[in-house]
Amino acid sequence: MTIQPRSSAWPADRVAEARAVIADVAHHSDLLIRLACDVLVQHGETSAERADAQRLLVVVDARRPVRRAQREDQGRAAR
């Protein structure tokens, strides 16, 4: 197995993919939407794009059942 070096286009490709997911949220899972939001919160071009992604992340997280959210949050805290 050969490890390919990361190209310089890697962040731009991920941001473009995240934007495509966000543009069509009705056809993507909450997990994929959450990942796309995380990418845009970290790497969005403008402060408005980062803020919008953060707001959408709050909405998606609010849709999770309470017990599942607590389990996931506890798992993150243990890391």
C-alpha atoms as a PDB file:
ATOM      1  CA  MET A   1       0.000   0.000   0.000  1.00  0.00           C
ATOM      2  CA  THR A   2       1.375   3.334  -1.045  1.00  0.00           C
ATOM      3  CA  ILE A   3       0.480   6.519   0.794  1.00  0.00           C
ATOM      4  CA  GLN A   4      -0.187   9.329  -1.621  1.00  0.00           C
ATOM      5  CA  PRO A   5       1.049  12.779  -0.612  1.00  0.00           C
ATOM      6  CA  ARG A   6      -1.678  15.336  -0.031  1.00  0.00           C
ATOM      7  CA  SER A   7      -2.023  17.814  -2.817  1.00  0.00           C
ATOM      8  CA  SER A   8      -2.266  21.512  -2.124  1.00  0.00           C
ATOM      9  CA  ALA A   9      -5.849  21.396  -3.421  1.00  0.00           C
ATOM     10  CA  TRP A  10      -6.971  19.205  -0.506  1.00  0.00           C
ATOM     11  CA  PRO A  11      -8.582  21.932   1.629  1.00  0.00           C
ATOM     12  CA  ALA A  12     -10.261  23.550  -1.384  1.00  0.00           C
ATOM     13  CA  ASP A  13     -11.667  20.172  -2.474  1.00  0.00           C
ATOM     14  CA  ARG A  14     -13.083  19.480   0.993  1.00  0.00           C
ATOM     15  CA  VAL A  15     -14.639  22.937   1.211  1.00  0.00           C
ATOM     16  CA  ALA A  16     -16.222  22.484  -2.225  1.00  0.00           C
ATOM     17  CA  GLU A  17     -17.635  19.099  -1.182  1.00  0.00           C
ATOM     18  CA  ALA A  18     -18.943  20.578   2.078  1.00  0.00           C
ATOM     19  CA  ARG A  19     -20.673  23.374   0.189  1.00  0.00           C
ATOM     20  CA  ALA A  20     -22.313  20.836  -2.120  1.00  0.00           C
ATOM     21  CA  VAL A  21     -23.650  18.889   0.870  1.00  0.00           C
ATOM     22  CA  ILE A  22     -24.967  22.046   2.526  1.00  0.00           C
ATOM     23  CA  ALA A  23     -26.609  23.153  -0.723  1.00  0.00           C
ATOM     24  CA  ASP A  24     -28.631  19.922  -0.802  1.00  0.00           C
ATOM     25  CA  VAL A  25     -29.250  19.078   2.861  1.00  0.00           C
ATOM     26  CA  ALA A  26     -32.547  17.346   2.119  1.00  0.00           C
ATOM     27  CA  HIS A  27     -30.685  14.512   0.397  1.00  0.00           C
ATOM     28  CA  HIS A  28     -27.881  13.963   2.917  1.00  0.00           C
ATOM     29  CA  SER A  29     -27.693  12.315   6.315  1.00  0.00           C
ATOM     30  CA  ASP A  30     -27.339  14.352   9.484  1.00  0.00           C
ATOM     31  CA  LEU A  31     -23.872  12.864   9.971  1.00  0.00           C
ATOM     32  CA  LEU A  32     -22.703  14.070   6.563  1.00  0.00           C
ATOM     33  CA  ILE A  33     -24.296  17.477   7.116  1.00  0.00           C
ATOM     34  CA  ARG A  34     -22.563  17.718  10.495  1.00  0.00           C
ATOM     35  CA  LEU A  35     -19.189  16.870   8.898  1.00  0.00           C
ATOM     36  CA  ALA A  36     -19.761  19.446   6.158  1.00  0.00           C
ATOM     37  CA  CYS A  37     -20.625  22.070   8.760  1.00  0.00           C
ATOM     38  CA  ASP A  38     -17.471  21.251  10.713  1.00  0.00           C
ATOM     39  CA  VAL A  39     -15.383  21.750   7.559  1.00  0.00           C
ATOM     40  CA  LEU A  40     -17.036  25.080   6.775  1.00  0.00           C
ATOM     41  CA  VAL A  41     -16.819  26.324  10.364  1.00  0.00           C
ATOM     42  CA  GLN A  42     -13.060  25.701  10.240  1.00  0.00           C
ATOM     43  CA  HIS A  43     -12.242  26.502   6.611  1.00  0.00           C
ATOM     44  CA  GLY A  44     -15.051  28.708   5.257  1.00  0.00           C
ATOM     45  CA  GLU A  45     -13.871  31.667   3.201  1.00  0.00           C
ATOM     46  CA  THR A  46     -15.938  34.351   4.894  1.00  0.00           C
ATOM     47  CA  SER A  47     -17.083  34.957   8.427  1.00  0.00           C
ATOM     48  CA  ALA A  48     -20.691  34.802   7.168  1.00  0.00           C
ATOM     49  CA  GLU A  49     -20.118  31.335   5.684  1.00  0.00           C
ATOM     50  CA  ARG A  50     -18.538  30.120   8.928  1.00  0.00           C
ATOM     51  CA  ALA A  51     -21.389  31.609  11.003  1.00  0.00           C
ATOM     52  CA  ASP A  52     -24.057  30.064   8.750  1.00  0.00           C
ATOM     53  CA  ALA A  53     -22.394  26.660   9.046  1.00  0.00           C
ATOM     54  CA  GLN A  54     -22.285  27.027  12.832  1.00  0.00           C
ATOM     55  CA  ARG A  55     -26.004  27.858  12.913  1.00  0.00           C
ATOM     56  CA  LEU A  56     -26.880  24.875  10.727  1.00  0.00           C
ATOM     57  CA  LEU A  57     -24.797  22.663  13.007  1.00  0.00           C
ATOM     58  CA  VAL A  58     -26.883  23.843  15.971  1.00  0.00           C
ATOM     59  CA  VAL A  59     -30.091  23.020  14.078  1.00  0.00           C
ATOM     60  CA  VAL A  60     -28.878  19.549  13.077  1.00  0.00           C
ATOM     61  CA  ASP A  61     -27.694  18.825  16.616  1.00  0.00           C
ATOM     62  CA  ALA A  62     -31.055  19.948  18.002  1.00  0.00           C
ATOM     63  CA  ARG A  63     -32.783  17.275  15.932  1.00  0.00           C
ATOM     64  CA  ARG A  64     -30.854  14.447  17.632  1.00  0.00           C
ATOM     65  CA  PRO A  65     -32.739  12.454  20.243  1.00  0.00           C
ATOM     66  CA  VAL A  66     -31.678  13.514  23.753  1.00  0.00           C
ATOM     67  CA  ARG A  67     -30.260  10.165  24.898  1.00  0.00           C
ATOM     68  CA  ARG A  68     -28.257   9.709  21.705  1.00  0.00           C
ATOM     69  CA  ALA A  69     -26.907  13.246  21.990  1.00  0.00           C
ATOM     70  CA  GLN A  70     -25.866  12.640  25.590  1.00  0.00           C
ATOM     71  CA  ARG A  71     -24.062   9.408  24.646  1.00  0.00           C
ATOM     72  CA  GLU A  72     -22.253  11.112  21.774  1.00  0.00           C
ATOM     73  CA  ASP A  73     -21.309  14.106  23.893  1.00  0.00           C
ATOM     74  CA  GLN A  74     -19.987  11.850  26.656  1.00  0.00           C
ATOM     75  CA  GLY A  75     -17.919   9.979  24.074  1.00  0.00           C
ATOM     76  CA  ARG A  76     -16.394  13.234  22.863  1.00  0.00           C
ATOM     77  CA  ALA A  77     -15.612  14.336  26.420  1.00  0.00           C
ATOM     78  CA  ALA A  78     -13.816  11.051  27.138  1.00  0.00           C
ATOM     79  CA  ARG A  79     -11.369  11.638  24.257  1.00  0.00           C
END
